[in-house]
């Protein structure tokens, strides 16, 4: 069964088309990362899935229900962190727990306090007097204590230092290990997603590509070679991305090295010492999507 299904989704703001015919599904139990440059509609998609925004056309199903008409019982099965780490600043830690406890039938008090107490703050400490990272830990405790079946995290890493980002990853790994839990996440910190997701959605200009992390990292390649002249190459069936710094060129392709060399030769490019190098997910993202 799929936790999320998107069928023929269309949306636009005034004359600007965001999606024309978007289709994808996310199986239950998977960890899916949504990757795209700024302005490609990642947060818009989250808003549509949660029923906060009605699209121009198409249909979205979340946990088997129409996203535009999610019943309360289904909403309690969804944990949402929406663009940052929002919390009620006038509440204390204990007041926060008490407030949210009454909203979720599967609330797990110990989960909340186990996460929050890592900060070493008294339960009477106000949220408004916390750092960004500390607030994020309170929000993470609230989300995890809900014991949701589907976790949607929209740019969870916003404003967090390396330590708190690593804490998020540790908690998400433990959450996923419970079995039957689905995570749908966006983040601008691509290297974090490389440690977390098993499935990825690349979104660009209303088009979407869905792939497994291992499949992508195994089939998409980064090549480097030396060329002393300024290159003017464009994307095509072989070249998916290119960067040049001085005389060193980095080229990204799904093709093997011999095919890349042959293709460049037909374009009149002098290729010297082309070879494949290790590629991070961030490299692959830039190679496929471009810098800007």
C-alpha atoms as a PDB file:
ATOM      1  CA  UNK A   1       0.000   0.000   0.000  1.00  0.00           C
ATOM      2  CA  UNK A   2       1.143   3.542  -0.676  1.00  0.00           C
ATOM      3  CA  UNK A   3       1.300   6.165   2.067  1.00  0.00           C
ATOM      4  CA  UNK A   4       1.101   8.961  -0.520  1.00  0.00           C
ATOM      5  CA  UNK A   5      -0.273   8.942  -4.073  1.00  0.00           C
ATOM      6  CA  UNK A   6      -0.266  11.927  -6.438  1.00  0.00           C
ATOM      7  CA  UNK A   7      -2.255  11.662  -9.668  1.00  0.00           C
ATOM      8  CA  UNK A   8      -2.169  14.215 -12.509  1.00  0.00           C
ATOM      9  CA  UNK A   9      -1.495  17.083 -10.105  1.00  0.00           C
ATOM     10  CA  UNK A  10      -1.783  20.581 -11.591  1.00  0.00           C
ATOM     11  CA  UNK A  11      -1.211  23.870  -9.810  1.00  0.00           C
ATOM     12  CA  UNK A  12      -0.249  27.442 -10.583  1.00  0.00           C
ATOM     13  CA  UNK A  13       0.074  30.854  -8.968  1.00  0.00           C
ATOM     14  CA  UNK A  14      -1.490  33.432 -11.283  1.00  0.00           C
ATOM     15  CA  UNK A  15       0.220  32.783 -14.635  1.00  0.00           C
ATOM     16  CA  UNK A  16       3.134  30.807 -13.172  1.00  0.00           C
ATOM     17  CA  UNK A  17       2.617  27.061 -13.592  1.00  0.00           C
ATOM     18  CA  UNK A  18       4.129  24.993 -10.769  1.00  0.00           C
ATOM     19  CA  UNK A  19       2.972  21.516 -11.836  1.00  0.00           C
ATOM     20  CA  UNK A  20       1.308  20.498 -15.058  1.00  0.00           C
ATOM     21  CA  UNK A  21       0.872  16.728 -14.731  1.00  0.00           C
ATOM     22  CA  UNK A  22       2.663  15.437 -11.637  1.00  0.00           C
ATOM     23  CA  UNK A  23       2.465  11.741 -10.767  1.00  0.00           C
ATOM     24  CA  UNK A  24       4.262   9.702  -8.109  1.00  0.00           C
ATOM     25  CA  UNK A  25       3.652   7.392  -5.159  1.00  0.00           C
ATOM     26  CA  UNK A  26       5.471   6.703  -1.904  1.00  0.00           C
ATOM     27  CA  UNK A  27       5.133   3.181  -0.456  1.00  0.00           C
ATOM     28  CA  UNK A  28       4.409   2.682   3.218  1.00  0.00           C
ATOM     29  CA  UNK A  29       7.551   2.093   5.233  1.00  0.00           C
ATOM     30  CA  UNK A  30       9.847   4.076   2.933  1.00  0.00           C
ATOM     31  CA  UNK A  31      11.954   7.159   3.643  1.00  0.00           C
ATOM     32  CA  UNK A  32      11.559   9.535   0.723  1.00  0.00           C
ATOM     33  CA  UNK A  33      13.459  12.748   0.158  1.00  0.00           C
ATOM     34  CA  UNK A  34      12.040  15.500  -2.051  1.00  0.00           C
ATOM     35  CA  UNK A  35      14.864  17.446  -3.685  1.00  0.00           C
ATOM     36  CA  UNK A  36      14.636  20.551  -5.821  1.00  0.00           C
ATOM     37  CA  UNK A  37      16.027  24.041  -6.083  1.00  0.00           C
ATOM     38  CA  UNK A  38      14.283  26.996  -4.463  1.00  0.00           C
ATOM     39  CA  UNK A  39      10.968  27.880  -6.042  1.00  0.00           C
ATOM     40  CA  UNK A  40      10.230  24.451  -7.507  1.00  0.00           C
ATOM     41  CA  UNK A  41       7.148  23.852  -5.344  1.00  0.00           C
ATOM     42  CA  UNK A  42       8.394  21.606  -2.525  1.00  0.00           C
ATOM     43  CA  UNK A  43       6.535  23.441   0.238  1.00  0.00           C
ATOM     44  CA  UNK A  44       3.542  23.921  -2.062  1.00  0.00           C
ATOM     45  CA  UNK A  45       3.389  20.151  -2.459  1.00  0.00           C
ATOM     46  CA  UNK A  46       3.461  19.661   1.323  1.00  0.00           C
ATOM     47  CA  UNK A  47       0.619  22.183   1.686  1.00  0.00           C
ATOM     48  CA  UNK A  48      -1.429  20.329  -0.918  1.00  0.00           C
ATOM     49  CA  UNK A  49      -0.798  16.941   0.700  1.00  0.00           C
ATOM     50  CA  UNK A  50      -1.940  18.300   4.069  1.00  0.00           C
ATOM     51  CA  UNK A  51      -5.053  19.860   2.568  1.00  0.00           C
ATOM     52  CA  UNK A  52      -3.961  23.421   3.360  1.00  0.00           C
ATOM     53  CA  UNK A  53      -3.960  24.338  -0.326  1.00  0.00           C
ATOM     54  CA  UNK A  54      -6.319  23.210  -3.065  1.00  0.00           C
ATOM     55  CA  UNK A  55      -4.622  22.574  -6.421  1.00  0.00           C
ATOM     56  CA  UNK A  56      -6.014  23.518  -9.804  1.00  0.00           C
ATOM     57  CA  UNK A  57      -6.454  19.886 -10.730  1.00  0.00           C
ATOM     58  CA  UNK A  58      -5.519  16.309  -9.982  1.00  0.00           C
ATOM     59  CA  UNK A  59      -5.893  14.135  -6.935  1.00  0.00           C
ATOM     60  CA  UNK A  60      -3.708  13.340  -3.929  1.00  0.00           C
ATOM     61  CA  UNK A  61      -4.245  10.485  -1.481  1.00  0.00           C
ATOM     62  CA  UNK A  62      -2.620  10.488   1.944  1.00  0.00           C
ATOM     63  CA  UNK A  63      -2.927   7.286   3.983  1.00  0.00           C
ATOM     64  CA  UNK A  64      -5.691   6.290   1.588  1.00  0.00           C
ATOM     65  CA  UNK A  65      -7.748   9.463   2.065  1.00  0.00           C
ATOM     66  CA  UNK A  66      -8.293  12.439  -0.233  1.00  0.00           C
ATOM     67  CA  UNK A  67      -5.846  15.127   0.874  1.00  0.00           C
ATOM     68  CA  UNK A  68      -8.501  17.834   0.447  1.00  0.00           C
ATOM     69  CA  UNK A  69     -10.790  16.105   2.912  1.00  0.00           C
ATOM     70  CA  UNK A  70      -8.619  14.403   5.522  1.00  0.00           C
ATOM     71  CA  UNK A  71     -10.775  13.233   8.438  1.00  0.00           C
ATOM     72  CA  UNK A  72      -9.567  14.015  11.973  1.00  0.00           C
ATOM     73  CA  UNK A  73      -8.702  10.366  12.616  1.00  0.00           C
ATOM     74  CA  UNK A  74      -6.325  10.397   9.645  1.00  0.00           C
ATOM     75  CA  UNK A  75      -4.747  13.717  10.620  1.00  0.00           C
ATOM     76  CA  UNK A  76      -3.800  12.261  14.019  1.00  0.00           C
ATOM     77  CA  UNK A  77      -1.729   9.664  12.131  1.00  0.00           C
ATOM     78  CA  UNK A  78       0.368  12.381  10.446  1.00  0.00           C
ATOM     79  CA  UNK A  79       3.256  14.155  12.140  1.00  0.00           C
ATOM     80  CA  UNK A  80       4.064  17.464  10.429  1.00  0.00           C
ATOM     81  CA  UNK A  81       7.008  19.800  10.791  1.00  0.00           C
ATOM     82  CA  UNK A  82       6.233  22.697   8.508  1.00  0.00           C
ATOM     83  CA  UNK A  83       8.954  25.146   7.386  1.00  0.00           C
ATOM     84  CA  UNK A  84      10.996  25.606  10.515  1.00  0.00           C
ATOM     85  CA  UNK A  85      10.468  24.786  14.161  1.00  0.00           C
ATOM     86  CA  UNK A  86       7.310  26.515  15.291  1.00  0.00           C
ATOM     87  CA  UNK A  87       6.314  26.275  18.949  1.00  0.00           C
ATOM     88  CA  UNK A  88       4.202  28.312  21.349  1.00  0.00           C
ATOM     89  CA  UNK A  89       6.832  30.562  22.910  1.00  0.00           C
ATOM     90  CA  UNK A  90       4.723  31.539  25.926  1.00  0.00           C
ATOM     91  CA  UNK A  91       4.448  27.911  27.068  1.00  0.00           C
ATOM     92  CA  UNK A  92       6.876  26.020  29.273  1.00  0.00           C
ATOM     93  CA  UNK A  93       8.127  22.531  28.441  1.00  0.00           C
ATOM     94  CA  UNK A  94       5.572  20.886  30.733  1.00  0.00           C
ATOM     95  CA  UNK A  95       2.727  23.084  29.418  1.00  0.00           C
ATOM     96  CA  UNK A  96       3.668  22.153  25.861  1.00  0.00           C
ATOM     97  CA  UNK A  97       3.444  18.452  26.679  1.00  0.00           C
ATOM     98  CA  UNK A  98       0.111  18.866  28.466  1.00  0.00           C
ATOM     99  CA  UNK A  99      -1.374  20.910  25.622  1.00  0.00           C
ATOM    100  CA  UNK A 100      -0.488  18.459  22.852  1.00  0.00           C
ATOM    101  CA  UNK A 101      -1.230  15.365  24.940  1.00  0.00           C
ATOM    102  CA  UNK A 102      -4.941  16.043  24.652  1.00  0.00           C
ATOM    103  CA  UNK A 103      -4.818  16.259  20.844  1.00  0.00           C
ATOM    104  CA  UNK A 104      -3.396  12.835  20.004  1.00  0.00           C
ATOM    105  CA  UNK A 105      -4.882   9.493  21.106  1.00  0.00           C
ATOM    106  CA  UNK A 106      -1.562   7.646  20.731  1.00  0.00           C
ATOM    107  CA  UNK A 107       0.478  10.242  22.624  1.00  0.00           C
ATOM    108  CA  UNK A 108       3.580   8.827  24.313  1.00  0.00           C
ATOM    109  CA  UNK A 109       4.590  11.087  27.204  1.00  0.00           C
ATOM    110  CA  UNK A 110       7.876   9.298  27.852  1.00  0.00           C
ATOM    111  CA  UNK A 111       8.997   9.797  24.248  1.00  0.00           C
ATOM    112  CA  UNK A 112       8.476  13.547  24.567  1.00  0.00           C
ATOM    113  CA  UNK A 113      10.369  13.923  27.831  1.00  0.00           C
ATOM    114  CA  UNK A 114      13.172  11.529  26.857  1.00  0.00           C
ATOM    115  CA  UNK A 115      14.001  13.813  23.925  1.00  0.00           C
ATOM    116  CA  UNK A 116      13.468  17.125  25.682  1.00  0.00           C
ATOM    117  CA  UNK A 117      15.415  16.169  28.811  1.00  0.00           C
ATOM    118  CA  UNK A 118      18.564  15.690  26.724  1.00  0.00           C
ATOM    119  CA  UNK A 119      18.833  19.497  26.857  1.00  0.00           C
ATOM    120  CA  UNK A 120      19.154  19.474  30.653  1.00  0.00           C
ATOM    121  CA  UNK A 121      16.514  22.191  31.065  1.00  0.00           C
ATOM    122  CA  UNK A 122      13.873  22.220  33.818  1.00  0.00           C
ATOM    123  CA  UNK A 123      10.304  21.429  32.768  1.00  0.00           C
ATOM    124  CA  UNK A 124       9.314  24.966  33.771  1.00  0.00           C
ATOM    125  CA  UNK A 125      11.657  26.536  31.203  1.00  0.00           C
ATOM    126  CA  UNK A 126       9.826  28.693  28.644  1.00  0.00           C
ATOM    127  CA  UNK A 127      10.098  27.864  24.950  1.00  0.00           C
ATOM    128  CA  UNK A 128      10.571  31.555  24.158  1.00  0.00           C
ATOM    129  CA  UNK A 129      13.808  31.572  26.151  1.00  0.00           C
ATOM    130  CA  UNK A 130      15.347  28.724  24.154  1.00  0.00           C
ATOM    131  CA  UNK A 131      17.795  28.744  21.253  1.00  0.00           C
ATOM    132  CA  UNK A 132      16.643  27.686  17.786  1.00  0.00           C
ATOM    133  CA  UNK A 133      18.157  24.249  18.281  1.00  0.00           C
ATOM    134  CA  UNK A 134      16.502  23.791  21.668  1.00  0.00           C
ATOM    135  CA  UNK A 135      13.115  24.778  20.272  1.00  0.00           C
ATOM    136  CA  UNK A 136      13.621  22.275  17.480  1.00  0.00           C
ATOM    137  CA  UNK A 137      14.161  19.576  20.105  1.00  0.00           C
ATOM    138  CA  UNK A 138      10.855  20.474  21.782  1.00  0.00           C
ATOM    139  CA  UNK A 139       9.112  20.329  18.388  1.00  0.00           C
ATOM    140  CA  UNK A 140      10.808  17.014  17.610  1.00  0.00           C
ATOM    141  CA  UNK A 141       9.573  15.673  20.949  1.00  0.00           C
ATOM    142  CA  UNK A 142       6.034  16.802  20.134  1.00  0.00           C
ATOM    143  CA  UNK A 143       6.132  15.115  16.723  1.00  0.00           C
ATOM    144  CA  UNK A 144       7.660  11.850  17.937  1.00  0.00           C
ATOM    145  CA  UNK A 145       5.310  11.596  20.928  1.00  0.00           C
ATOM    146  CA  UNK A 146       2.368  11.588  18.514  1.00  0.00           C
ATOM    147  CA  UNK A 147       3.567   8.169  17.284  1.00  0.00           C
ATOM    148  CA  UNK A 148       2.466   9.005  13.716  1.00  0.00           C
ATOM    149  CA  UNK A 149       2.324   6.538  10.848  1.00  0.00           C
ATOM    150  CA  UNK A 150       3.429   9.221   8.373  1.00  0.00           C
ATOM    151  CA  UNK A 151       6.029  11.847   9.183  1.00  0.00           C
ATOM    152  CA  UNK A 152       6.247  14.907   6.889  1.00  0.00           C
ATOM    153  CA  UNK A 153       9.254  17.155   7.514  1.00  0.00           C
ATOM    154  CA  UNK A 154       9.503  20.324   5.431  1.00  0.00           C
ATOM    155  CA  UNK A 155      13.041  21.668   5.662  1.00  0.00           C
ATOM    156  CA  UNK A 156      13.584  20.327   9.187  1.00  0.00           C
ATOM    157  CA  UNK A 157      17.260  21.408   9.152  1.00  0.00           C
ATOM    158  CA  UNK A 158      16.488  25.156   8.958  1.00  0.00           C
ATOM    159  CA  UNK A 159      18.637  27.034  11.461  1.00  0.00           C
ATOM    160  CA  UNK A 160      20.135  23.936  13.078  1.00  0.00           C
ATOM    161  CA  UNK A 161      23.808  23.384  13.764  1.00  0.00           C
ATOM    162  CA  UNK A 162      25.569  20.100  12.979  1.00  0.00           C
ATOM    163  CA  UNK A 163      24.864  18.598  16.400  1.00  0.00           C
ATOM    164  CA  UNK A 164      21.116  19.135  16.309  1.00  0.00           C
ATOM    165  CA  UNK A 165      20.937  17.959  12.684  1.00  0.00           C
ATOM    166  CA  UNK A 166      22.680  14.752  13.714  1.00  0.00           C
ATOM    167  CA  UNK A 167      20.206  14.352  16.590  1.00  0.00           C
ATOM    168  CA  UNK A 168      17.334  14.641  14.107  1.00  0.00           C
ATOM    169  CA  UNK A 169      18.915  11.950  11.933  1.00  0.00           C
ATOM    170  CA  UNK A 170      19.407   9.611  14.899  1.00  0.00           C
ATOM    171  CA  UNK A 171      15.784  10.035  15.990  1.00  0.00           C
ATOM    172  CA  UNK A 172      14.475   9.534  12.456  1.00  0.00           C
ATOM    173  CA  UNK A 173      16.508   6.350  12.039  1.00  0.00           C
ATOM    174  CA  UNK A 174      15.070   4.989  15.290  1.00  0.00           C
ATOM    175  CA  UNK A 175      11.565   6.006  14.223  1.00  0.00           C
ATOM    176  CA  UNK A 176      11.939   4.242  10.871  1.00  0.00           C
ATOM    177  CA  UNK A 177      13.203   1.087  12.598  1.00  0.00           C
ATOM    178  CA  UNK A 178       9.839   0.737  14.369  1.00  0.00           C
ATOM    179  CA  UNK A 179       8.467  -0.698  11.099  1.00  0.00           C
ATOM    180  CA  UNK A 180       5.531   0.451   8.992  1.00  0.00           C
ATOM    181  CA  UNK A 181       6.472   4.118   9.447  1.00  0.00           C
ATOM    182  CA  UNK A 182       6.796   6.406   6.413  1.00  0.00           C
ATOM    183  CA  UNK A 183       8.955   9.550   6.264  1.00  0.00           C
ATOM    184  CA  UNK A 184       8.588  12.237   3.608  1.00  0.00           C
ATOM    185  CA  UNK A 185      11.254  14.896   3.977  1.00  0.00           C
ATOM    186  CA  UNK A 186      12.613  17.989   2.253  1.00  0.00           C
ATOM    187  CA  UNK A 187      15.914  19.604   3.203  1.00  0.00           C
ATOM    188  CA  UNK A 188      18.483  21.958   1.757  1.00  0.00           C
ATOM    189  CA  UNK A 189      21.218  19.987   3.557  1.00  0.00           C
ATOM    190  CA  UNK A 190      21.653  17.308   0.908  1.00  0.00           C
ATOM    191  CA  UNK A 191      24.379  15.413   2.769  1.00  0.00           C
ATOM    192  CA  UNK A 192      21.915  14.745   5.609  1.00  0.00           C
ATOM    193  CA  UNK A 193      19.460  13.117   3.221  1.00  0.00           C
ATOM    194  CA  UNK A 194      22.194  10.851   1.912  1.00  0.00           C
ATOM    195  CA  UNK A 195      22.388   9.337   5.406  1.00  0.00           C
ATOM    196  CA  UNK A 196      18.630   8.926   5.726  1.00  0.00           C
ATOM    197  CA  UNK A 197      16.540   8.303   2.604  1.00  0.00           C
ATOM    198  CA  UNK A 198      16.056   5.182   0.517  1.00  0.00           C
ATOM    199  CA  UNK A 199      13.953   6.874  -2.191  1.00  0.00           C
ATOM    200  CA  UNK A 200      14.288  10.295  -3.812  1.00  0.00           C
ATOM    201  CA  UNK A 201      12.087  12.593  -5.850  1.00  0.00           C
ATOM    202  CA  UNK A 202      13.901  15.182  -7.969  1.00  0.00           C
ATOM    203  CA  UNK A 203      11.559  17.991  -8.970  1.00  0.00           C
ATOM    204  CA  UNK A 204      12.450  20.594 -11.601  1.00  0.00           C
ATOM    205  CA  UNK A 205      10.216  22.834 -13.709  1.00  0.00           C
ATOM    206  CA  UNK A 206       7.140  20.769 -12.841  1.00  0.00           C
ATOM    207  CA  UNK A 207       8.799  17.508 -13.882  1.00  0.00           C
ATOM    208  CA  UNK A 208       9.597  14.779 -11.382  1.00  0.00           C
ATOM    209  CA  UNK A 209      12.042  11.882 -11.369  1.00  0.00           C
ATOM    210  CA  UNK A 210      11.678   9.144  -8.780  1.00  0.00           C
ATOM    211  CA  UNK A 211      14.593   6.845  -8.027  1.00  0.00           C
ATOM    212  CA  UNK A 212      16.124   4.775  -5.266  1.00  0.00           C
ATOM    213  CA  UNK A 213      19.156   6.282  -3.557  1.00  0.00           C
ATOM    214  CA  UNK A 214      21.366   3.292  -4.369  1.00  0.00           C
ATOM    215  CA  UNK A 215      20.137   3.178  -7.963  1.00  0.00           C
ATOM    216  CA  UNK A 216      20.885   6.867  -8.474  1.00  0.00           C
ATOM    217  CA  UNK A 217      24.311   6.768  -6.857  1.00  0.00           C
ATOM    218  CA  UNK A 218      25.187   3.681  -8.879  1.00  0.00           C
ATOM    219  CA  UNK A 219      23.991   4.886 -12.287  1.00  0.00           C
ATOM    220  CA  UNK A 220      24.760   8.627 -12.218  1.00  0.00           C
ATOM    221  CA  UNK A 221      28.458   9.427 -12.597  1.00  0.00           C
ATOM    222  CA  UNK A 222      30.821  12.323 -12.054  1.00  0.00           C
ATOM    223  CA  UNK A 223      33.727  12.560 -14.491  1.00  0.00           C
ATOM    224  CA  UNK A 224      36.606  15.006 -14.439  1.00  0.00           C
ATOM    225  CA  UNK A 225      38.974  15.947 -17.235  1.00  0.00           C
ATOM    226  CA  UNK A 226      41.310  18.765 -18.204  1.00  0.00           C
ATOM    227  CA  UNK A 227      40.465  21.347 -20.831  1.00  0.00           C
ATOM    228  CA  UNK A 228      42.349  24.616 -21.081  1.00  0.00           C
ATOM    229  CA  UNK A 229      39.693  26.475 -23.077  1.00  0.00           C
ATOM    230  CA  UNK A 230      36.370  27.813 -21.805  1.00  0.00           C
ATOM    231  CA  UNK A 231      33.685  25.269 -22.665  1.00  0.00           C
ATOM    232  CA  UNK A 232      30.201  26.112 -23.833  1.00  0.00           C
ATOM    233  CA  UNK A 233      28.288  22.860 -23.490  1.00  0.00           C
ATOM    234  CA  UNK A 234      24.578  22.320 -23.005  1.00  0.00           C
ATOM    235  CA  UNK A 235      22.564  19.494 -21.513  1.00  0.00           C
ATOM    236  CA  UNK A 236      21.662  16.700 -23.909  1.00  0.00           C
ATOM    237  CA  UNK A 237      21.077  12.945 -23.847  1.00  0.00           C
ATOM    238  CA  UNK A 238      24.613  12.336 -22.555  1.00  0.00           C
ATOM    239  CA  UNK A 239      25.596  15.531 -20.711  1.00  0.00           C
ATOM    240  CA  UNK A 240      23.327  16.151 -17.720  1.00  0.00           C
ATOM    241  CA  UNK A 241      25.479  18.742 -15.965  1.00  0.00           C
ATOM    242  CA  UNK A 242      28.856  20.429 -16.223  1.00  0.00           C
ATOM    243  CA  UNK A 243      31.075  22.613 -14.020  1.00  0.00           C
ATOM    244  CA  UNK A 244      34.395  24.231 -14.897  1.00  0.00           C
ATOM    245  CA  UNK A 245      36.972  25.750 -12.578  1.00  0.00           C
ATOM    246  CA  UNK A 246      40.079  26.849 -14.384  1.00  0.00           C
ATOM    247  CA  UNK A 247      41.144  24.010 -16.660  1.00  0.00           C
ATOM    248  CA  UNK A 248      39.425  21.272 -14.625  1.00  0.00           C
ATOM    249  CA  UNK A 249      35.993  20.208 -15.868  1.00  0.00           C
ATOM    250  CA  UNK A 250      33.449  18.119 -13.963  1.00  0.00           C
ATOM    251  CA  UNK A 251      30.831  16.440 -16.136  1.00  0.00           C
ATOM    252  CA  UNK A 252      27.793  14.471 -14.923  1.00  0.00           C
ATOM    253  CA  UNK A 253      26.162  11.718 -16.932  1.00  0.00           C
ATOM    254  CA  UNK A 254      24.275   8.438 -16.767  1.00  0.00           C
ATOM    255  CA  UNK A 255      26.553   7.173 -19.568  1.00  0.00           C
ATOM    256  CA  UNK A 256      29.779   5.234 -19.139  1.00  0.00           C
ATOM    257  CA  UNK A 257      33.169   6.886 -19.645  1.00  0.00           C
ATOM    258  CA  UNK A 258      33.817   5.587 -23.170  1.00  0.00           C
ATOM    259  CA  UNK A 259      30.473   6.887 -24.392  1.00  0.00           C
ATOM    260  CA  UNK A 260      31.110  10.275 -22.773  1.00  0.00           C
ATOM    261  CA  UNK A 261      34.536  10.575 -24.422  1.00  0.00           C
ATOM    262  CA  UNK A 262      33.096   9.627 -27.808  1.00  0.00           C
ATOM    263  CA  UNK A 263      30.270  12.153 -27.402  1.00  0.00           C
ATOM    264  CA  UNK A 264      32.641  14.981 -26.448  1.00  0.00           C
ATOM    265  CA  UNK A 265      34.898  14.141 -29.373  1.00  0.00           C
ATOM    266  CA  UNK A 266      32.001  14.447 -31.808  1.00  0.00           C
ATOM    267  CA  UNK A 267      31.334  17.891 -30.303  1.00  0.00           C
ATOM    268  CA  UNK A 268      34.911  18.892 -31.061  1.00  0.00           C
ATOM    269  CA  UNK A 269      36.036  18.924 -27.424  1.00  0.00           C
ATOM    270  CA  UNK A 270      39.615  17.949 -26.636  1.00  0.00           C
ATOM    271  CA  UNK A 271      39.443  15.500 -23.737  1.00  0.00           C
ATOM    272  CA  UNK A 272      42.500  14.858 -21.583  1.00  0.00           C
ATOM    273  CA  UNK A 273      42.573  12.230 -18.838  1.00  0.00           C
ATOM    274  CA  UNK A 274      38.815  11.816 -18.347  1.00  0.00           C
ATOM    275  CA  UNK A 275      38.097   9.570 -15.372  1.00  0.00           C
ATOM    276  CA  UNK A 276      35.293   8.849 -12.936  1.00  0.00           C
ATOM    277  CA  UNK A 277      35.586  10.159  -9.366  1.00  0.00           C
ATOM    278  CA  UNK A 278      33.615   9.540  -6.181  1.00  0.00           C
ATOM    279  CA  UNK A 279      30.364  11.495  -6.068  1.00  0.00           C
ATOM    280  CA  UNK A 280      28.325  12.641  -3.086  1.00  0.00           C
ATOM    281  CA  UNK A 281      24.563  13.047  -3.271  1.00  0.00           C
ATOM    282  CA  UNK A 282      25.103  16.809  -3.185  1.00  0.00           C
ATOM    283  CA  UNK A 283      27.411  16.490  -6.222  1.00  0.00           C
ATOM    284  CA  UNK A 284      24.734  14.443  -7.965  1.00  0.00           C
ATOM    285  CA  UNK A 285      22.032  16.972  -7.100  1.00  0.00           C
ATOM    286  CA  UNK A 286      24.060  19.857  -8.550  1.00  0.00           C
ATOM    287  CA  UNK A 287      25.043  17.750 -11.568  1.00  0.00           C
ATOM    288  CA  UNK A 288      21.440  16.846 -12.339  1.00  0.00           C
ATOM    289  CA  UNK A 289      19.615  20.021 -11.316  1.00  0.00           C
ATOM    290  CA  UNK A 290      22.233  22.729 -11.854  1.00  0.00           C
ATOM    291  CA  UNK A 291      23.500  25.405  -9.462  1.00  0.00           C
ATOM    292  CA  UNK A 292      20.720  27.929 -10.133  1.00  0.00           C
END
